């Protein structure tokens, strides 16, 4: 099973909010997922992603591949956590 860490779109029309999830690559974007890892609200200022970095690290160690956007969110979350 190929697992990816990606964004799952939620929220009202024009006010999207995203959940960062671990999902099988074959599942639809907003379909089934394995675990919720955090959320992301692009309407807020920087530092608007709330991620459980322990869960993220666990999935990456199991071979999950983050998408480019999620990889950027993880990087920013690590920088924010270090401050």
PDB file of N, CA and C in Angstrom:
ATOM      1  N   UNK A   1       0.853  -1.176   0.000  1.00  0.00           N
ATOM      2  CA  UNK A   1       0.000   0.000   0.000  1.00  0.00           C
ATOM      3  C   UNK A   1       0.897   1.237   0.000  1.00  0.00           C
ATOM      4  N   UNK A   2       0.738   2.080  -1.012  1.00  0.00           N
ATOM      5  CA  UNK A   2       1.513   3.312  -1.123  1.00  0.00           C
ATOM      6  C   UNK A   2       0.793   4.419  -0.360  1.00  0.00           C
ATOM      7  N   UNK A   3       1.408   4.875   0.716  1.00  0.00           N
ATOM      8  CA  UNK A   3       0.789   5.902   1.560  1.00  0.00           C
ATOM      9  C   UNK A   3       1.411   7.257   1.240  1.00  0.00           C
ATOM     10  N   UNK A   4       0.553   8.273   1.139  1.00  0.00           N
ATOM     11  CA  UNK A   4       1.010   9.641   0.924  1.00  0.00           C
ATOM     12  C   UNK A   4       0.443  10.527   2.027  1.00  0.00           C
ATOM     13  N   UNK A   5       1.173  11.568   2.352  1.00  0.00           N
ATOM     14  CA  UNK A   5       0.695  12.598   3.278  1.00  0.00           C
ATOM     15  C   UNK A   5       0.233  13.747   2.401  1.00  0.00           C
ATOM     16  N   UNK A   6      -1.048  14.066   2.465  1.00  0.00           N
ATOM     17  CA  UNK A   6      -1.587  15.094   1.578  1.00  0.00           C
ATOM     18  C   UNK A   6      -2.688  15.894   2.257  1.00  0.00           C
ATOM     19  N   UNK A   7      -3.139  16.933   1.544  1.00  0.00           N
ATOM     20  CA  UNK A   7      -4.194  17.802   2.057  1.00  0.00           C
ATOM     21  C   UNK A   7      -5.559  17.262   1.646  1.00  0.00           C
ATOM     22  N   UNK A   8      -6.492  17.304   2.577  1.00  0.00           N
ATOM     23  CA  UNK A   8      -7.881  16.912   2.335  1.00  0.00           C
ATOM     24  C   UNK A   8      -8.716  18.176   2.470  1.00  0.00           C
ATOM     25  N   UNK A   9      -9.400  18.572   1.397  1.00  0.00           N
ATOM     26  CA  UNK A   9     -10.132  19.840   1.370  1.00  0.00           C
ATOM     27  C   UNK A   9     -11.438  19.746   2.139  1.00  0.00           C
ATOM     28  N   UNK A  10     -11.683  20.744   2.987  1.00  0.00           N
ATOM     29  CA  UNK A  10     -12.924  20.858   3.750  1.00  0.00           C
ATOM     30  C   UNK A  10     -13.304  22.327   3.798  1.00  0.00           C
ATOM     31  N   UNK A  11     -14.395  22.652   4.458  1.00  0.00           N
ATOM     32  CA  UNK A  11     -14.800  24.042   4.628  1.00  0.00           C
ATOM     33  C   UNK A  11     -15.823  24.474   3.597  1.00  0.00           C
ATOM     34  N   UNK A  12     -16.297  25.699   3.759  1.00  0.00           N
ATOM     35  CA  UNK A  12     -17.336  26.246   2.894  1.00  0.00           C
ATOM     36  C   UNK A  12     -16.753  26.706   1.561  1.00  0.00           C
ATOM     37  N   UNK A  13     -17.623  26.877   0.592  1.00  0.00           N
ATOM     38  CA  UNK A  13     -17.211  27.361  -0.722  1.00  0.00           C
ATOM     39  C   UNK A  13     -16.549  28.734  -0.585  1.00  0.00           C
ATOM     40  N   UNK A  14     -15.346  28.864  -1.094  1.00  0.00           N
ATOM     41  CA  UNK A  14     -14.618  30.121  -1.001  1.00  0.00           C
ATOM     42  C   UNK A  14     -13.848  30.297   0.296  1.00  0.00           C
ATOM     43  N   UNK A  15     -14.048  29.417   1.258  1.00  0.00           N
ATOM     44  CA  UNK A  15     -13.335  29.488   2.542  1.00  0.00           C
ATOM     45  C   UNK A  15     -12.811  28.096   2.889  1.00  0.00           C
ATOM     46  N   UNK A  16     -11.929  27.602   2.065  1.00  0.00           N
ATOM     47  CA  UNK A  16     -11.438  26.244   2.246  1.00  0.00           C
ATOM     48  C   UNK A  16     -10.483  26.139   3.424  1.00  0.00           C
ATOM     49  N   UNK A  17     -10.609  25.050   4.113  1.00  0.00           N
ATOM     50  CA  UNK A  17      -9.708  24.662   5.191  1.00  0.00           C
ATOM     51  C   UNK A  17      -9.264  23.256   4.833  1.00  0.00           C
ATOM     52  N   UNK A  18      -8.048  22.913   5.175  1.00  0.00           N
ATOM     53  CA  UNK A  18      -7.518  21.615   4.791  1.00  0.00           C
ATOM     54  C   UNK A  18      -7.092  20.823   6.015  1.00  0.00           C
ATOM     55  N   UNK A  19      -7.229  19.511   5.927  1.00  0.00           N
ATOM     56  CA  UNK A  19      -6.676  18.613   6.933  1.00  0.00           C
ATOM     57  C   UNK A  19      -5.502  17.901   6.297  1.00  0.00           C
ATOM     58  N   UNK A  20      -4.440  17.766   7.046  1.00  0.00           N
ATOM     59  CA  UNK A  20      -3.293  16.992   6.589  1.00  0.00           C
ATOM     60  C   UNK A  20      -3.563  15.556   7.019  1.00  0.00           C
ATOM     61  N   UNK A  21      -3.607  14.651   6.045  1.00  0.00           N
ATOM     62  CA  UNK A  21      -3.956  13.263   6.334  1.00  0.00           C
ATOM     63  C   UNK A  21      -2.945  12.310   5.713  1.00  0.00           C
ATOM     64  N   UNK A  22      -2.889  11.119   6.284  1.00  0.00           N
ATOM     65  CA  UNK A  22      -2.172  10.004   5.678  1.00  0.00           C
ATOM     66  C   UNK A  22      -3.225   9.187   4.950  1.00  0.00           C
ATOM     67  N   UNK A  23      -3.026   8.969   3.650  1.00  0.00           N
ATOM     68  CA  UNK A  23      -4.017   8.253   2.852  1.00  0.00           C
ATOM     69  C   UNK A  23      -3.318   7.366   1.835  1.00  0.00           C
ATOM     70  N   UNK A  24      -4.002   6.315   1.446  1.00  0.00           N
ATOM     71  CA  UNK A  24      -3.514   5.474   0.363  1.00  0.00           C
ATOM     72  C   UNK A  24      -3.536   6.307  -0.913  1.00  0.00           C
ATOM     73  N   UNK A  25      -2.546   6.133  -1.748  1.00  0.00           N
ATOM     74  CA  UNK A  25      -2.431   6.921  -2.967  1.00  0.00           C
ATOM     75  C   UNK A  25      -3.636   6.735  -3.887  1.00  0.00           C
ATOM     76  N   UNK A  26      -4.296   5.589  -3.794  1.00  0.00           N
ATOM     77  CA  UNK A  26      -5.427   5.293  -4.672  1.00  0.00           C
ATOM     78  C   UNK A  26      -6.728   5.926  -4.203  1.00  0.00           C
ATOM     79  N   UNK A  27      -6.793   6.401  -2.961  1.00  0.00           N
ATOM     80  CA  UNK A  27      -8.015   7.007  -2.437  1.00  0.00           C
ATOM     81  C   UNK A  27      -8.218   8.389  -3.046  1.00  0.00           C
ATOM     82  N   UNK A  28      -9.474   8.817  -3.157  1.00  0.00           N
ATOM     83  CA  UNK A  28      -9.781  10.151  -3.677  1.00  0.00           C
ATOM     84  C   UNK A  28      -9.243  11.227  -2.741  1.00  0.00           C
ATOM     85  N   UNK A  29      -9.075  12.432  -3.270  1.00  0.00           N
ATOM     86  CA  UNK A  29      -8.529  13.538  -2.477  1.00  0.00           C
ATOM     87  C   UNK A  29      -9.314  13.763  -1.191  1.00  0.00           C
ATOM     88  N   UNK A  30     -10.625  13.782  -1.287  1.00  0.00           N
ATOM     89  CA  UNK A  30     -11.463  14.025  -0.117  1.00  0.00           C
ATOM     90  C   UNK A  30     -12.136  12.743   0.373  1.00  0.00           C
ATOM     91  N   UNK A  31     -11.617  11.613  -0.045  1.00  0.00           N
ATOM     92  CA  UNK A  31     -12.215  10.333   0.317  1.00  0.00           C
ATOM     93  C   UNK A  31     -11.629   9.765   1.600  1.00  0.00           C
ATOM     94  N   UNK A  32     -11.526   8.438   1.628  1.00  0.00           N
ATOM     95  CA  UNK A  32     -11.036   7.745   2.817  1.00  0.00           C
ATOM     96  C   UNK A  32      -9.606   8.149   3.130  1.00  0.00           C
ATOM     97  N   UNK A  33      -9.251   8.029   4.391  1.00  0.00           N
ATOM     98  CA  UNK A  33      -7.886   8.299   4.818  1.00  0.00           C
ATOM     99  C   UNK A  33      -7.567   7.386   5.982  1.00  0.00           C
ATOM    100  N   UNK A  34      -6.295   7.289   6.316  1.00  0.00           N
ATOM    101  CA  UNK A  34      -5.854   6.395   7.379  1.00  0.00           C
ATOM    102  C   UNK A  34      -5.776   7.103   8.723  1.00  0.00           C
ATOM    103  N   UNK A  35      -5.297   8.359   8.716  1.00  0.00           N
ATOM    104  CA  UNK A  35      -5.154   9.098   9.973  1.00  0.00           C
ATOM    105  C   UNK A  35      -5.068  10.593   9.694  1.00  0.00           C
ATOM    106  N   UNK A  36      -5.639  11.389  10.594  1.00  0.00           N
ATOM    107  CA  UNK A  36      -5.528  12.844  10.514  1.00  0.00           C
ATOM    108  C   UNK A  36      -4.257  13.252  11.251  1.00  0.00           C
ATOM    109  N   UNK A  37      -3.424  14.059  10.589  1.00  0.00           N
ATOM    110  CA  UNK A  37      -2.149  14.482  11.165  1.00  0.00           C
ATOM    111  C   UNK A  37      -2.142  15.944  11.580  1.00  0.00           C
ATOM    112  N   UNK A  38      -3.124  16.711  11.145  1.00  0.00           N
ATOM    113  CA  UNK A  38      -3.176  18.129  11.500  1.00  0.00           C
ATOM    114  C   UNK A  38      -4.124  18.869  10.578  1.00  0.00           C
ATOM    115  N   UNK A  39      -4.059  20.198  10.638  1.00  0.00           N
ATOM    116  CA  UNK A  39      -4.905  21.005   9.766  1.00  0.00           C
ATOM    117  C   UNK A  39      -4.141  22.224   9.281  1.00  0.00           C
ATOM    118  N   UNK A  40      -4.695  22.859   8.237  1.00  0.00           N
ATOM    119  CA  UNK A  40      -4.065  24.010   7.598  1.00  0.00           C
ATOM    120  C   UNK A  40      -5.159  24.952   7.128  1.00  0.00           C
ATOM    121  N   UNK A  41      -5.057  26.230   7.549  1.00  0.00           N
ATOM    122  CA  UNK A  41      -6.011  27.252   7.135  1.00  0.00           C
ATOM    123  C   UNK A  41      -5.246  28.338   6.385  1.00  0.00           C
ATOM    124  N   UNK A  42      -5.344  28.377   5.053  1.00  0.00           N
ATOM    125  CA  UNK A  42      -4.585  29.360   4.276  1.00  0.00           C
ATOM    126  C   UNK A  42      -5.066  30.793   4.468  1.00  0.00           C
ATOM    127  N   UNK A  43      -6.242  31.008   5.063  1.00  0.00           N
ATOM    128  CA  UNK A  43      -6.766  32.361   5.267  1.00  0.00           C
ATOM    129  C   UNK A  43      -6.047  33.080   6.401  1.00  0.00           C
ATOM    130  N   UNK A  44      -5.395  32.340   7.273  1.00  0.00           N
ATOM    131  CA  UNK A  44      -4.680  32.943   8.395  1.00  0.00           C
ATOM    132  C   UNK A  44      -3.262  33.314   7.984  1.00  0.00           C
ATOM    133  N   UNK A  45      -2.593  34.079   8.838  1.00  0.00           N
ATOM    134  CA  UNK A  45      -1.221  34.477   8.542  1.00  0.00           C
ATOM    135  C   UNK A  45      -0.280  33.275   8.670  1.00  0.00           C
ATOM    136  N   UNK A  46       1.003  33.504   8.430  1.00  0.00           N
ATOM    137  CA  UNK A  46       1.984  32.404   8.493  1.00  0.00           C
ATOM    138  C   UNK A  46       1.935  31.701   9.834  1.00  0.00           C
ATOM    139  N   UNK A  47       2.343  30.453   9.821  1.00  0.00           N
ATOM    140  CA  UNK A  47       2.284  29.664  11.036  1.00  0.00           C
ATOM    141  C   UNK A  47       0.886  29.134  11.279  1.00  0.00           C
ATOM    142  N   UNK A  48       0.131  28.952  10.188  1.00  0.00           N
ATOM    143  CA  UNK A  48      -1.270  28.582  10.296  1.00  0.00           C
ATOM    144  C   UNK A  48      -1.506  27.083  10.154  1.00  0.00           C
ATOM    145  N   UNK A  49      -0.449  26.287  10.168  1.00  0.00           N
ATOM    146  CA  UNK A  49      -0.593  24.833  10.091  1.00  0.00           C
ATOM    147  C   UNK A  49      -0.351  24.235  11.470  1.00  0.00           C
ATOM    148  N   UNK A  50      -1.296  23.446  11.924  1.00  0.00           N
ATOM    149  CA  UNK A  50      -1.154  22.742  13.196  1.00  0.00           C
ATOM    150  C   UNK A  50      -0.931  21.274  12.882  1.00  0.00           C
ATOM    151  N   UNK A  51       0.292  20.805  13.078  1.00  0.00           N
ATOM    152  CA  UNK A  51       0.635  19.425  12.754  1.00  0.00           C
ATOM    153  C   UNK A  51       1.110  18.688  13.990  1.00  0.00           C
ATOM    154  N   UNK A  52       0.779  17.417  14.071  1.00  0.00           N
ATOM    155  CA  UNK A  52       1.318  16.537  15.103  1.00  0.00           C
ATOM    156  C   UNK A  52       2.592  15.941  14.511  1.00  0.00           C
ATOM    157  N   UNK A  53       3.731  16.569  14.801  1.00  0.00           N
ATOM    158  CA  UNK A  53       4.993  16.171  14.181  1.00  0.00           C
ATOM    159  C   UNK A  53       5.412  14.755  14.549  1.00  0.00           C
ATOM    160  N   UNK A  54       5.006  14.268  15.706  1.00  0.00           N
ATOM    161  CA  UNK A  54       5.327  12.887  16.086  1.00  0.00           C
ATOM    162  C   UNK A  54       4.632  11.904  15.139  1.00  0.00           C
ATOM    163  N   UNK A  55       3.363  12.171  14.826  1.00  0.00           N
ATOM    164  CA  UNK A  55       2.631  11.311  13.894  1.00  0.00           C
ATOM    165  C   UNK A  55       3.211  11.418  12.488  1.00  0.00           C
ATOM    166  N   UNK A  56       3.577  12.641  12.093  1.00  0.00           N
ATOM    167  CA  UNK A  56       4.170  12.849  10.771  1.00  0.00           C
ATOM    168  C   UNK A  56       5.462  12.047  10.656  1.00  0.00           C
ATOM    169  N   UNK A  57       6.331  12.147  11.661  1.00  0.00           N
ATOM    170  CA  UNK A  57       7.591  11.403  11.640  1.00  0.00           C
ATOM    171  C   UNK A  57       7.351   9.903  11.606  1.00  0.00           C
ATOM    172  N   UNK A  58       6.334   9.454  12.327  1.00  0.00           N
ATOM    173  CA  UNK A  58       6.003   8.031  12.345  1.00  0.00           C
ATOM    174  C   UNK A  58       5.621   7.543  10.948  1.00  0.00           C
ATOM    175  N   UNK A  59       4.776   8.292  10.261  1.00  0.00           N
ATOM    176  CA  UNK A  59       4.357   7.887   8.920  1.00  0.00           C
ATOM    177  C   UNK A  59       5.509   7.957   7.928  1.00  0.00           C
ATOM    178  N   UNK A  60       6.346   8.976   8.032  1.00  0.00           N
ATOM    179  CA  UNK A  60       7.482   9.087   7.115  1.00  0.00           C
ATOM    180  C   UNK A  60       8.456   7.934   7.336  1.00  0.00           C
ATOM    181  N   UNK A  61       8.654   7.532   8.597  1.00  0.00           N
ATOM    182  CA  UNK A  61       9.547   6.405   8.879  1.00  0.00           C
ATOM    183  C   UNK A  61       8.985   5.093   8.329  1.00  0.00           C
ATOM    184  N   UNK A  62       7.662   5.023   8.157  1.00  0.00           N
ATOM    185  CA  UNK A  62       7.029   3.827   7.587  1.00  0.00           C
ATOM    186  C   UNK A  62       7.021   3.858   6.062  1.00  0.00           C
ATOM    187  N   UNK A  63       7.529   4.942   5.470  1.00  0.00           N
ATOM    188  CA  UNK A  63       7.637   5.011   4.018  1.00  0.00           C
ATOM    189  C   UNK A  63       6.642   5.917   3.326  1.00  0.00           C
ATOM    190  N   UNK A  64       5.845   6.661   4.073  1.00  0.00           N
ATOM    191  CA  UNK A  64       4.874   7.570   3.456  1.00  0.00           C
ATOM    192  C   UNK A  64       5.600   8.733   2.786  1.00  0.00           C
ATOM    193  N   UNK A  65       5.094   9.152   1.642  1.00  0.00           N
ATOM    194  CA  UNK A  65       5.694  10.243   0.884  1.00  0.00           C
ATOM    195  C   UNK A  65       4.811  11.486   0.985  1.00  0.00           C
ATOM    196  N   UNK A  66       5.319  12.592   1.532  1.00  0.00           N
ATOM    197  CA  UNK A  66       4.515  13.824   1.575  1.00  0.00           C
ATOM    198  C   UNK A  66       4.483  14.504   0.207  1.00  0.00           C
ATOM    199  N   UNK A  67       3.358  15.151  -0.097  1.00  0.00           N
ATOM    200  CA  UNK A  67       3.281  15.945  -1.319  1.00  0.00           C
ATOM    201  C   UNK A  67       4.145  17.191  -1.133  1.00  0.00           C
ATOM    202  N   UNK A  68       4.364  17.935  -2.203  1.00  0.00           N
ATOM    203  CA  UNK A  68       5.216  19.126  -2.132  1.00  0.00           C
ATOM    204  C   UNK A  68       4.659  20.148  -1.141  1.00  0.00           C
ATOM    205  N   UNK A  69       3.353  20.354  -1.157  1.00  0.00           N
ATOM    206  CA  UNK A  69       2.735  21.324  -0.250  1.00  0.00           C
ATOM    207  C   UNK A  69       2.855  20.874   1.194  1.00  0.00           C
ATOM    208  N   UNK A  70       2.594  19.610   1.456  1.00  0.00           N
ATOM    209  CA  UNK A  70       2.688  19.091   2.821  1.00  0.00           C
ATOM    210  C   UNK A  70       4.136  19.119   3.295  1.00  0.00           C
ATOM    211  N   UNK A  71       5.069  18.855   2.399  1.00  0.00           N
ATOM    212  CA  UNK A  71       6.488  18.916   2.762  1.00  0.00           C
ATOM    213  C   UNK A  71       6.852  20.328   3.224  1.00  0.00           C
ATOM    214  N   UNK A  72       6.325  21.334   2.527  1.00  0.00           N
ATOM    215  CA  UNK A  72       6.559  22.726   2.904  1.00  0.00           C
ATOM    216  C   UNK A  72       5.918  23.047   4.254  1.00  0.00           C
ATOM    217  N   UNK A  73       4.707  22.544   4.497  1.00  0.00           N
ATOM    218  CA  UNK A  73       4.031  22.772   5.780  1.00  0.00           C
ATOM    219  C   UNK A  73       4.798  22.120   6.928  1.00  0.00           C
ATOM    220  N   UNK A  74       5.337  20.926   6.694  1.00  0.00           N
ATOM    221  CA  UNK A  74       6.122  20.232   7.724  1.00  0.00           C
ATOM    222  C   UNK A  74       7.373  21.036   8.051  1.00  0.00           C
ATOM    223  N   UNK A  75       8.032  21.527   7.012  1.00  0.00           N
ATOM    224  CA  UNK A  75       9.243  22.328   7.211  1.00  0.00           C
ATOM    225  C   UNK A  75       8.938  23.570   8.045  1.00  0.00           C
ATOM    226  N   UNK A  76       7.854  24.283   7.709  1.00  0.00           N
ATOM    227  CA  UNK A  76       7.479  25.489   8.451  1.00  0.00           C
ATOM    228  C   UNK A  76       7.059  25.167   9.884  1.00  0.00           C
ATOM    229  N   UNK A  77       6.393  24.028  10.082  1.00  0.00           N
ATOM    230  CA  UNK A  77       5.976  23.628  11.432  1.00  0.00           C
ATOM    231  C   UNK A  77       7.189  23.306  12.299  1.00  0.00           C
ATOM    232  N   UNK A  78       8.205  22.694  11.712  1.00  0.00           N
ATOM    233  CA  UNK A  78       9.434  22.385  12.467  1.00  0.00           C
ATOM    234  C   UNK A  78      10.159  23.672  12.870  1.00  0.00           C
ATOM    235  N   UNK A  79      10.181  24.651  11.969  1.00  0.00           N
ATOM    236  CA  UNK A  79      10.814  25.937  12.279  1.00  0.00           C
ATOM    237  C   UNK A  79      10.052  26.631  13.402  1.00  0.00           C
ATOM    238  N   UNK A  80       8.719  26.619  13.328  1.00  0.00           N
ATOM    239  CA  UNK A  80       7.896  27.257  14.359  1.00  0.00           C
ATOM    240  C   UNK A  80       8.041  26.543  15.699  1.00  0.00           C
ATOM    241  N   UNK A  81       8.175  25.220  15.675  1.00  0.00           N
ATOM    242  CA  UNK A  81       8.316  24.453  16.918  1.00  0.00           C
ATOM    243  C   UNK A  81       9.667  24.701  17.574  1.00  0.00           C
ATOM    244  N   UNK A  82      10.675  25.026  16.771  1.00  0.00           N
ATOM    245  CA  UNK A  82      12.015  25.266  17.309  1.00  0.00           C
ATOM    246  C   UNK A  82      12.108  26.613  18.020  1.00  0.00           C
ATOM    247  N   UNK A  83      11.220  27.535  17.687  1.00  0.00           N
ATOM    248  CA  UNK A  83      11.277  28.879  18.293  1.00  0.00           C
ATOM    249  C   UNK A  83      10.733  28.888  19.685  1.00  0.00           C
TER     250      UNK A  83
END
